[in-house]
Amino acid sequence: MSARTAECQIEVVLFDVGGVLLTNGWDHRERAAVYDHFGLTAAEKAEIEARHPAPYDAWERDAAAGFVEELFAAHHGEIYAYLIRMLRDPELA
């Protein structure tokens, strides 16, 4: 079966939030530092910047909001305890 004719149904989207929760994460300053570090051209930077908003906007709006609300509602005690441990133990952060 060729990739062109293959059908795929996405059932799970994994999104790594490790080290980013409660931080500014991957904003324009962080992206600029990465661009400089790897010596990206203006065209490469523009391509990344053009693609950047789509997944993050979707994540920050509709579907993700419901998922996060359900996750926190179901596991708020565990999440709270883990966040407190992270604040006390720099090895976890």
PDB file of N, CA and C in Angstrom:
ATOM      1  N   MET A   1       0.855  -1.177   0.000  1.00  0.00           N
ATOM      2  CA  MET A   1       0.000   0.000   0.000  1.00  0.00           C
ATOM      3  C   MET A   1       0.895   1.233   0.000  1.00  0.00           C
ATOM      4  N   SER A   2       0.647   2.146  -0.887  1.00  0.00           N
ATOM      5  CA  SER A   2       1.480   3.343  -0.953  1.00  0.00           C
ATOM      6  C   SER A   2       1.012   4.355   0.082  1.00  0.00           C
ATOM      7  N   ALA A   3       1.915   5.255   0.428  1.00  0.00           N
ATOM      8  CA  ALA A   3       1.571   6.304   1.399  1.00  0.00           C
ATOM      9  C   ALA A   3       0.438   7.178   0.887  1.00  0.00           C
ATOM     10  N   ARG A   4       0.354   7.298  -0.420  1.00  0.00           N
ATOM     11  CA  ARG A   4      -0.667   8.152  -1.024  1.00  0.00           C
ATOM     12  C   ARG A   4      -2.068   7.574  -0.830  1.00  0.00           C
ATOM     13  N   THR A   5      -2.190   6.248  -0.840  1.00  0.00           N
ATOM     14  CA  THR A   5      -3.512   5.643  -0.720  1.00  0.00           C
ATOM     15  C   THR A   5      -3.817   5.156   0.685  1.00  0.00           C
ATOM     16  N   ALA A   6      -2.823   5.166   1.555  1.00  0.00           N
ATOM     17  CA  ALA A   6      -3.040   4.675   2.912  1.00  0.00           C
ATOM     18  C   ALA A   6      -3.981   5.609   3.666  1.00  0.00           C
ATOM     19  N   GLU A   7      -4.868   5.013   4.437  1.00  0.00           N
ATOM     20  CA  GLU A   7      -5.746   5.802   5.284  1.00  0.00           C
ATOM     21  C   GLU A   7      -5.270   5.683   6.712  1.00  0.00           C
ATOM     22  N   CYS A   8      -5.387   6.748   7.442  1.00  0.00           N
ATOM     23  CA  CYS A   8      -4.931   6.768   8.820  1.00  0.00           C
ATOM     24  C   CYS A   8      -5.953   7.513   9.656  1.00  0.00           C
ATOM     25  N   GLN A   9      -6.337   6.899  10.736  1.00  0.00           N
ATOM     26  CA  GLN A   9      -7.245   7.564  11.662  1.00  0.00           C
ATOM     27  C   GLN A   9      -6.452   7.871  12.924  1.00  0.00           C
ATOM     28  N   ILE A  10      -6.310   9.131  13.227  1.00  0.00           N
ATOM     29  CA  ILE A  10      -5.560   9.528  14.412  1.00  0.00           C
ATOM     30  C   ILE A  10      -6.445   9.303  15.629  1.00  0.00           C
ATOM     31  N   GLU A  11      -5.924   8.526  16.571  1.00  0.00           N
ATOM     32  CA  GLU A  11      -6.675   8.233  17.779  1.00  0.00           C
ATOM     33  C   GLU A  11      -6.112   8.946  19.000  1.00  0.00           C
ATOM     34  N   VAL A  12      -4.826   9.243  18.966  1.00  0.00           N
ATOM     35  CA  VAL A  12      -4.179   9.864  20.109  1.00  0.00           C
ATOM     36  C   VAL A  12      -3.196  10.911  19.606  1.00  0.00           C
ATOM     37  N   VAL A  13      -3.165  12.040  20.255  1.00  0.00           N
ATOM     38  CA  VAL A  13      -2.155  13.047  19.985  1.00  0.00           C
ATOM     39  C   VAL A  13      -1.377  13.234  21.284  1.00  0.00           C
ATOM     40  N   LEU A  14      -0.087  12.965  21.221  1.00  0.00           N
ATOM     41  CA  LEU A  14       0.763  13.141  22.387  1.00  0.00           C
ATOM     42  C   LEU A  14       1.440  14.499  22.276  1.00  0.00           C
ATOM     43  N   PHE A  15       1.360  15.264  23.316  1.00  0.00           N
ATOM     44  CA  PHE A  15       1.913  16.615  23.305  1.00  0.00           C
ATOM     45  C   PHE A  15       2.806  16.747  24.521  1.00  0.00           C
ATOM     46  N   ASP A  16       4.075  16.950  24.309  1.00  0.00           N
ATOM     47  CA  ASP A  16       5.036  17.018  25.398  1.00  0.00           C
ATOM     48  C   ASP A  16       4.969  18.379  26.074  1.00  0.00           C
ATOM     49  N   VAL A  17       4.586  18.382  27.344  1.00  0.00           N
ATOM     50  CA  VAL A  17       4.557  19.626  28.100  1.00  0.00           C
ATOM     51  C   VAL A  17       5.631  19.624  29.176  1.00  0.00           C
ATOM     52  N   GLY A  18       6.505  18.647  29.162  1.00  0.00           N
ATOM     53  CA  GLY A  18       7.556  18.537  30.163  1.00  0.00           C
ATOM     54  C   GLY A  18       8.425  19.773  30.219  1.00  0.00           C
ATOM     55  N   GLY A  19       8.560  20.350  31.398  1.00  0.00           N
ATOM     56  CA  GLY A  19       9.393  21.519  31.576  1.00  0.00           C
ATOM     57  C   GLY A  19       8.788  22.803  31.054  1.00  0.00           C
ATOM     58  N   VAL A  20       7.552  22.769  30.587  1.00  0.00           N
ATOM     59  CA  VAL A  20       6.953  23.957  29.986  1.00  0.00           C
ATOM     60  C   VAL A  20       5.763  24.458  30.803  1.00  0.00           C
ATOM     61  N   LEU A  21       5.138  23.589  31.569  1.00  0.00           N
ATOM     62  CA  LEU A  21       3.995  24.034  32.355  1.00  0.00           C
ATOM     63  C   LEU A  21       4.403  25.187  33.268  1.00  0.00           C
ATOM     64  N   LEU A  22       3.575  26.170  33.333  1.00  0.00           N
ATOM     65  CA  LEU A  22       3.768  27.350  34.165  1.00  0.00           C
ATOM     66  C   LEU A  22       4.998  28.168  33.754  1.00  0.00           C
ATOM     67  N   THR A  23       5.439  28.023  32.506  1.00  0.00           N
ATOM     68  CA  THR A  23       6.522  28.845  31.975  1.00  0.00           C
ATOM     69  C   THR A  23       6.047  29.488  30.681  1.00  0.00           C
ATOM     70  N   ASN A  24       6.865  30.336  30.119  1.00  0.00           N
ATOM     71  CA  ASN A  24       6.535  30.960  28.852  1.00  0.00           C
ATOM     72  C   ASN A  24       6.772  30.006  27.693  1.00  0.00           C
ATOM     73  N   GLY A  25       7.449  28.905  27.973  1.00  0.00           N
ATOM     74  CA  GLY A  25       7.584  27.839  26.985  1.00  0.00           C
ATOM     75  C   GLY A  25       8.318  28.224  25.718  1.00  0.00           C
ATOM     76  N   TRP A  26       7.662  28.072  24.610  1.00  0.00           N
ATOM     77  CA  TRP A  26       8.257  28.160  23.280  1.00  0.00           C
ATOM     78  C   TRP A  26       7.781  29.434  22.600  1.00  0.00           C
ATOM     79  N   ASP A  27       8.003  30.574  23.227  1.00  0.00           N
ATOM     80  CA  ASP A  27       7.525  31.813  22.619  1.00  0.00           C
ATOM     81  C   ASP A  27       8.559  32.384  21.655  1.00  0.00           C
ATOM     82  N   HIS A  28       8.344  33.586  21.183  1.00  0.00           N
ATOM     83  CA  HIS A  28       9.199  34.153  20.132  1.00  0.00           C
ATOM     84  C   HIS A  28      10.652  34.296  20.563  1.00  0.00           C
ATOM     85  N   ARG A  29      10.911  34.583  21.835  1.00  0.00           N
ATOM     86  CA  ARG A  29      12.307  34.712  22.283  1.00  0.00           C
ATOM     87  C   ARG A  29      13.032  33.368  22.245  1.00  0.00           C
ATOM     88  N   GLU A  30      12.372  32.337  22.706  1.00  0.00           N
ATOM     89  CA  GLU A  30      12.980  31.007  22.696  1.00  0.00           C
ATOM     90  C   GLU A  30      13.209  30.522  21.268  1.00  0.00           C
ATOM     91  N   ARG A  31      12.229  30.760  20.391  1.00  0.00           N
ATOM     92  CA  ARG A  31      12.401  30.350  18.993  1.00  0.00           C
ATOM     93  C   ARG A  31      13.543  31.123  18.347  1.00  0.00           C
ATOM     94  N   ALA A  32      13.652  32.416  18.637  1.00  0.00           N
ATOM     95  CA  ALA A  32      14.739  33.223  18.066  1.00  0.00           C
ATOM     96  C   ALA A  32      16.100  32.697  18.507  1.00  0.00           C
ATOM     97  N   ALA A  33      16.209  32.293  19.772  1.00  0.00           N
ATOM     98  CA  ALA A  33      17.479  31.746  20.262  1.00  0.00           C
ATOM     99  C   ALA A  33      17.834  30.453  19.535  1.00  0.00           C
ATOM    100  N   VAL A  34      16.837  29.612  19.279  1.00  0.00           N
ATOM    101  CA  VAL A  34      17.076  28.367  18.549  1.00  0.00           C
ATOM    102  C   VAL A  34      17.476  28.667  17.105  1.00  0.00           C
ATOM    103  N   TYR A  35      16.800  29.603  16.481  1.00  0.00           N
ATOM    104  CA  TYR A  35      17.135  29.975  15.100  1.00  0.00           C
ATOM    105  C   TYR A  35      18.591  30.441  15.014  1.00  0.00           C
ATOM    106  N   ASP A  36      18.983  31.291  15.965  1.00  0.00           N
ATOM    107  CA  ASP A  36      20.358  31.792  15.967  1.00  0.00           C
ATOM    108  C   ASP A  36      21.352  30.662  16.222  1.00  0.00           C
ATOM    109  N   HIS A  37      21.037  29.803  17.180  1.00  0.00           N
ATOM    110  CA  HIS A  37      21.933  28.702  17.525  1.00  0.00           C
ATOM    111  C   HIS A  37      22.208  27.802  16.320  1.00  0.00           C
ATOM    112  N   PHE A  38      21.165  27.511  15.552  1.00  0.00           N
ATOM    113  CA  PHE A  38      21.312  26.607  14.411  1.00  0.00           C
ATOM    114  C   PHE A  38      21.570  27.334  13.091  1.00  0.00           C
ATOM    115  N   GLY A  39      21.662  28.658  13.132  1.00  0.00           N
ATOM    116  CA  GLY A  39      21.994  29.422  11.940  1.00  0.00           C
ATOM    117  C   GLY A  39      20.956  29.330  10.836  1.00  0.00           C
ATOM    118  N   LEU A  40      19.674  29.349  11.200  1.00  0.00           N
ATOM    119  CA  LEU A  40      18.618  29.262  10.191  1.00  0.00           C
ATOM    120  C   LEU A  40      18.570  30.524   9.331  1.00  0.00           C
ATOM    121  N   THR A  41      18.205  30.330   8.088  1.00  0.00           N
ATOM    122  CA  THR A  41      18.060  31.458   7.166  1.00  0.00           C
ATOM    123  C   THR A  41      16.736  32.171   7.436  1.00  0.00           C
ATOM    124  N   ALA A  42      16.597  33.350   6.857  1.00  0.00           N
ATOM    125  CA  ALA A  42      15.344  34.101   7.008  1.00  0.00           C
ATOM    126  C   ALA A  42      14.164  33.302   6.459  1.00  0.00           C
ATOM    127  N   ALA A  43      14.371  32.601   5.345  1.00  0.00           N
ATOM    128  CA  ALA A  43      13.292  31.795   4.754  1.00  0.00           C
ATOM    129  C   ALA A  43      12.909  30.635   5.671  1.00  0.00           C
ATOM    130  N   GLU A  44      13.902  29.987   6.282  1.00  0.00           N
ATOM    131  CA  GLU A  44      13.606  28.883   7.208  1.00  0.00           C
ATOM    132  C   GLU A  44      12.855  29.388   8.442  1.00  0.00           C
ATOM    133  N   LYS A  45      13.285  30.530   8.952  1.00  0.00           N
ATOM    134  CA  LYS A  45      12.598  31.123  10.098  1.00  0.00           C
ATOM    135  C   LYS A  45      11.150  31.455   9.739  1.00  0.00           C
ATOM    136  N   ALA A  46      10.949  32.046   8.570  1.00  0.00           N
ATOM    137  CA  ALA A  46       9.602  32.425   8.136  1.00  0.00           C
ATOM    138  C   ALA A  46       8.707  31.201   7.992  1.00  0.00           C
ATOM    139  N   GLU A  47       9.258  30.103   7.484  1.00  0.00           N
ATOM    140  CA  GLU A  47       8.461  28.884   7.334  1.00  0.00           C
ATOM    141  C   GLU A  47       8.020  28.346   8.693  1.00  0.00           C
ATOM    142  N   ILE A  48       8.939  28.321   9.642  1.00  0.00           N
ATOM    143  CA  ILE A  48       8.587  27.838  10.981  1.00  0.00           C
ATOM    144  C   ILE A  48       7.563  28.761  11.623  1.00  0.00           C
ATOM    145  N   GLU A  49       7.783  30.059  11.520  1.00  0.00           N
ATOM    146  CA  GLU A  49       6.852  31.012  12.117  1.00  0.00           C
ATOM    147  C   GLU A  49       5.457  30.903  11.498  1.00  0.00           C
ATOM    148  N   ALA A  50       5.396  30.617  10.209  1.00  0.00           N
ATOM    149  CA  ALA A  50       4.096  30.467   9.542  1.00  0.00           C
ATOM    150  C   ALA A  50       3.372  29.222  10.032  1.00  0.00           C
ATOM    151  N   ARG A  51       4.127  28.172  10.340  1.00  0.00           N
ATOM    152  CA  ARG A  51       3.514  26.910  10.791  1.00  0.00           C
ATOM    153  C   ARG A  51       3.213  26.902  12.285  1.00  0.00           C
ATOM    154  N   HIS A  52       3.907  27.692  13.045  1.00  0.00           N
ATOM    155  CA  HIS A  52       3.822  27.647  14.504  1.00  0.00           C
ATOM    156  C   HIS A  52       2.420  27.849  15.077  1.00  0.00           C
ATOM    157  N   PRO A  53       1.651  28.830  14.636  1.00  0.00           N
ATOM    158  CA  PRO A  53       0.371  29.098  15.300  1.00  0.00           C
ATOM    159  C   PRO A  53      -0.673  27.982  15.213  1.00  0.00           C
ATOM    160  N   ALA A  54      -0.731  27.263  14.118  1.00  0.00           N
ATOM    161  CA  ALA A  54      -1.826  26.300  13.921  1.00  0.00           C
ATOM    162  C   ALA A  54      -1.952  25.276  15.045  1.00  0.00           C
ATOM    163  N   PRO A  55      -0.943  24.474  15.348  1.00  0.00           N
ATOM    164  CA  PRO A  55      -1.141  23.485  16.410  1.00  0.00           C
ATOM    165  C   PRO A  55      -1.300  24.115  17.786  1.00  0.00           C
ATOM    166  N   TYR A  56      -0.600  25.212  18.037  1.00  0.00           N
ATOM    167  CA  TYR A  56      -0.683  25.823  19.353  1.00  0.00           C
ATOM    168  C   TYR A  56      -2.007  26.531  19.560  1.00  0.00           C
ATOM    169  N   ASP A  57      -2.519  27.188  18.531  1.00  0.00           N
ATOM    170  CA  ASP A  57      -3.824  27.827  18.652  1.00  0.00           C
ATOM    171  C   ASP A  57      -4.912  26.796  18.906  1.00  0.00           C
ATOM    172  N   ALA A  58      -4.846  25.684  18.169  1.00  0.00           N
ATOM    173  CA  ALA A  58      -5.837  24.623  18.368  1.00  0.00           C
ATOM    174  C   ALA A  58      -5.716  24.053  19.773  1.00  0.00           C
ATOM    175  N   TRP A  59      -4.501  23.835  20.213  1.00  0.00           N
ATOM    176  CA  TRP A  59      -4.270  23.257  21.540  1.00  0.00           C
ATOM    177  C   TRP A  59      -4.785  24.198  22.620  1.00  0.00           C
ATOM    178  N   GLU A  60      -4.537  25.485  22.458  1.00  0.00           N
ATOM    179  CA  GLU A  60      -4.909  26.438  23.490  1.00  0.00           C
ATOM    180  C   GLU A  60      -6.397  26.762  23.481  1.00  0.00           C
ATOM    181  N   ARG A  61      -7.088  26.418  22.435  1.00  0.00           N
ATOM    182  CA  ARG A  61      -8.517  26.732  22.361  1.00  0.00           C
ATOM    183  C   ARG A  61      -9.364  25.527  22.704  1.00  0.00           C
ATOM    184  N   ASP A  62     -10.156  25.105  21.788  1.00  0.00           N
ATOM    185  CA  ASP A  62     -11.272  24.191  21.973  1.00  0.00           C
ATOM    186  C   ASP A  62     -10.952  22.818  22.554  1.00  0.00           C
ATOM    187  N   ALA A  63     -10.438  21.950  21.746  1.00  0.00           N
ATOM    188  CA  ALA A  63     -10.287  20.550  22.142  1.00  0.00           C
ATOM    189  C   ALA A  63      -9.404  20.397  23.363  1.00  0.00           C
ATOM    190  N   ALA A  64      -8.320  21.100  23.397  1.00  0.00           N
ATOM    191  CA  ALA A  64      -7.384  20.948  24.498  1.00  0.00           C
ATOM    192  C   ALA A  64      -7.967  21.458  25.803  1.00  0.00           C
ATOM    193  N   ALA A  65      -8.719  22.526  25.737  1.00  0.00           N
ATOM    194  CA  ALA A  65      -9.296  23.080  26.955  1.00  0.00           C
ATOM    195  C   ALA A  65     -10.184  22.051  27.642  1.00  0.00           C
ATOM    196  N   GLY A  66     -11.025  21.382  26.884  1.00  0.00           N
ATOM    197  CA  GLY A  66     -11.886  20.346  27.454  1.00  0.00           C
ATOM    198  C   GLY A  66     -11.100  19.189  28.025  1.00  0.00           C
ATOM    199  N   PHE A  67     -10.070  18.771  27.290  1.00  0.00           N
ATOM    200  CA  PHE A  67      -9.227  17.674  27.759  1.00  0.00           C
ATOM    201  C   PHE A  67      -8.539  18.021  29.072  1.00  0.00           C
ATOM    202  N   VAL A  68      -7.958  19.215  29.126  1.00  0.00           N
ATOM    203  CA  VAL A  68      -7.239  19.630  30.327  1.00  0.00           C
ATOM    204  C   VAL A  68      -8.200  19.773  31.503  1.00  0.00           C
ATOM    205  N   GLU A  69      -9.376  20.334  31.261  1.00  0.00           N
ATOM    206  CA  GLU A  69     -10.358  20.461  32.335  1.00  0.00           C
ATOM    207  C   GLU A  69     -10.754  19.099  32.893  1.00  0.00           C
ATOM    208  N   GLU A  70     -10.996  18.130  32.009  1.00  0.00           N
ATOM    209  CA  GLU A  70     -11.338  16.777  32.457  1.00  0.00           C
ATOM    210  C   GLU A  70     -10.184  16.131  33.211  1.00  0.00           C
ATOM    211  N   LEU A  71      -8.983  16.307  32.691  1.00  0.00           N
ATOM    212  CA  LEU A  71      -7.800  15.732  33.330  1.00  0.00           C
ATOM    213  C   LEU A  71      -7.622  16.283  34.737  1.00  0.00           C
ATOM    214  N   PHE A  72      -7.703  17.606  34.875  1.00  0.00           N
ATOM    215  CA  PHE A  72      -7.535  18.207  36.189  1.00  0.00           C
ATOM    216  C   PHE A  72      -8.686  17.850  37.125  1.00  0.00           C
ATOM    217  N   ALA A  73      -9.895  17.766  36.606  1.00  0.00           N
ATOM    218  CA  ALA A  73     -11.026  17.402  37.454  1.00  0.00           C
ATOM    219  C   ALA A  73     -10.869  15.991  38.005  1.00  0.00           C
ATOM    220  N   ALA A  74     -10.370  15.091  37.171  1.00  0.00           N
ATOM    221  CA  ALA A  74     -10.228  13.700  37.585  1.00  0.00           C
ATOM    222  C   ALA A  74      -9.005  13.466  38.461  1.00  0.00           C
ATOM    223  N   HIS A  75      -7.968  14.258  38.285  1.00  0.00           N
ATOM    224  CA  HIS A  75      -6.694  13.978  38.957  1.00  0.00           C
ATOM    225  C   HIS A  75      -6.112  15.191  39.685  1.00  0.00           C
ATOM    226  N   HIS A  76      -6.965  16.111  40.115  1.00  0.00           N
ATOM    227  CA  HIS A  76      -6.450  17.346  40.705  1.00  0.00           C
ATOM    228  C   HIS A  76      -5.561  17.109  41.919  1.00  0.00           C
ATOM    229  N   GLY A  77      -5.906  16.146  42.754  1.00  0.00           N
ATOM    230  CA  GLY A  77      -5.097  15.860  43.945  1.00  0.00           C
ATOM    231  C   GLY A  77      -3.703  15.387  43.579  1.00  0.00           C
ATOM    232  N   GLU A  78      -3.625  14.469  42.617  1.00  0.00           N
ATOM    233  CA  GLU A  78      -2.325  13.946  42.185  1.00  0.00           C
ATOM    234  C   GLU A  78      -1.489  15.034  41.518  1.00  0.00           C
ATOM    235  N   ILE A  79      -2.130  15.830  40.679  1.00  0.00           N
ATOM    236  CA  ILE A  79      -1.412  16.893  39.960  1.00  0.00           C
ATOM    237  C   ILE A  79      -0.906  17.938  40.950  1.00  0.00           C
ATOM    238  N   TYR A  80      -1.745  18.310  41.889  1.00  0.00           N
ATOM    239  CA  TYR A  80      -1.342  19.287  42.901  1.00  0.00           C
ATOM    240  C   TYR A  80      -0.152  18.760  43.703  1.00  0.00           C
ATOM    241  N   ALA A  81      -0.233  17.509  44.149  1.00  0.00           N
ATOM    242  CA  ALA A  81       0.856  16.922  44.928  1.00  0.00           C
ATOM    243  C   ALA A  81       2.153  16.883  44.121  1.00  0.00           C
ATOM    244  N   TYR A  82       2.062  16.544  42.841  1.00  0.00           N
ATOM    245  CA  TYR A  82       3.256  16.490  42.000  1.00  0.00           C
ATOM    246  C   TYR A  82       3.856  17.879  41.815  1.00  0.00           C
ATOM    247  N   LEU A  83       3.016  18.879  41.579  1.00  0.00           N
ATOM    248  CA  LEU A  83       3.515  20.247  41.419  1.00  0.00           C
ATOM    249  C   LEU A  83       4.200  20.731  42.694  1.00  0.00           C
ATOM    250  N   ILE A  84       3.659  20.401  43.840  1.00  0.00           N
ATOM    251  CA  ILE A  84       4.293  20.777  45.105  1.00  0.00           C
ATOM    252  C   ILE A  84       5.644  20.080  45.233  1.00  0.00           C
ATOM    253  N   ARG A  85       5.713  18.779  44.897  1.00  0.00           N
ATOM    254  CA  ARG A  85       6.997  18.064  44.932  1.00  0.00           C
ATOM    255  C   ARG A  85       8.002  18.705  43.981  1.00  0.00           C
ATOM    256  N   MET A  86       7.537  19.129  42.797  1.00  0.00           N
ATOM    257  CA  MET A  86       8.430  19.777  41.840  1.00  0.00           C
ATOM    258  C   MET A  86       8.999  21.081  42.412  1.00  0.00           C
ATOM    259  N   LEU A  87       8.166  21.831  43.098  1.00  0.00           N
ATOM    260  CA  LEU A  87       8.641  23.085  43.679  1.00  0.00           C
ATOM    261  C   LEU A  87       9.682  22.846  44.761  1.00  0.00           C
ATOM    262  N   ARG A  88       9.546  21.735  45.483  1.00  0.00           N
ATOM    263  CA  ARG A  88      10.464  21.439  46.591  1.00  0.00           C
ATOM    264  C   ARG A  88      11.710  20.689  46.144  1.00  0.00           C
ATOM    265  N   ASP A  89      11.624  19.974  45.024  1.00  0.00           N
ATOM    266  CA  ASP A  89      12.742  19.145  44.587  1.00  0.00           C
ATOM    267  C   ASP A  89      13.172  19.556  43.186  1.00  0.00           C
ATOM    268  N   PRO A  90      14.279  20.293  43.057  1.00  0.00           N
ATOM    269  CA  PRO A  90      14.712  20.762  41.738  1.00  0.00           C
ATOM    270  C   PRO A  90      15.024  19.636  40.763  1.00  0.00           C
ATOM    271  N   GLU A  91      15.288  18.450  41.249  1.00  0.00           N
ATOM    272  CA  GLU A  91      15.566  17.295  40.377  1.00  0.00           C
ATOM    273  C   GLU A  91      14.333  16.935  39.539  1.00  0.00           C
ATOM    274  N   LEU A  92      13.141  17.213  40.034  1.00  0.00           N
ATOM    275  CA  LEU A  92      11.898  16.882  39.328  1.00  0.00           C
ATOM    276  C   LEU A  92      11.533  17.936  38.288  1.00  0.00           C
ATOM    277  N   ALA A  93      12.011  19.146  38.468  1.00  0.00           N
ATOM    278  CA  ALA A  93      11.632  20.241  37.567  1.00  0.00           C
ATOM    279  C   ALA A  93      12.271  20.105  36.206  1.00  0.00           C
TER     280      ALA A  93
END
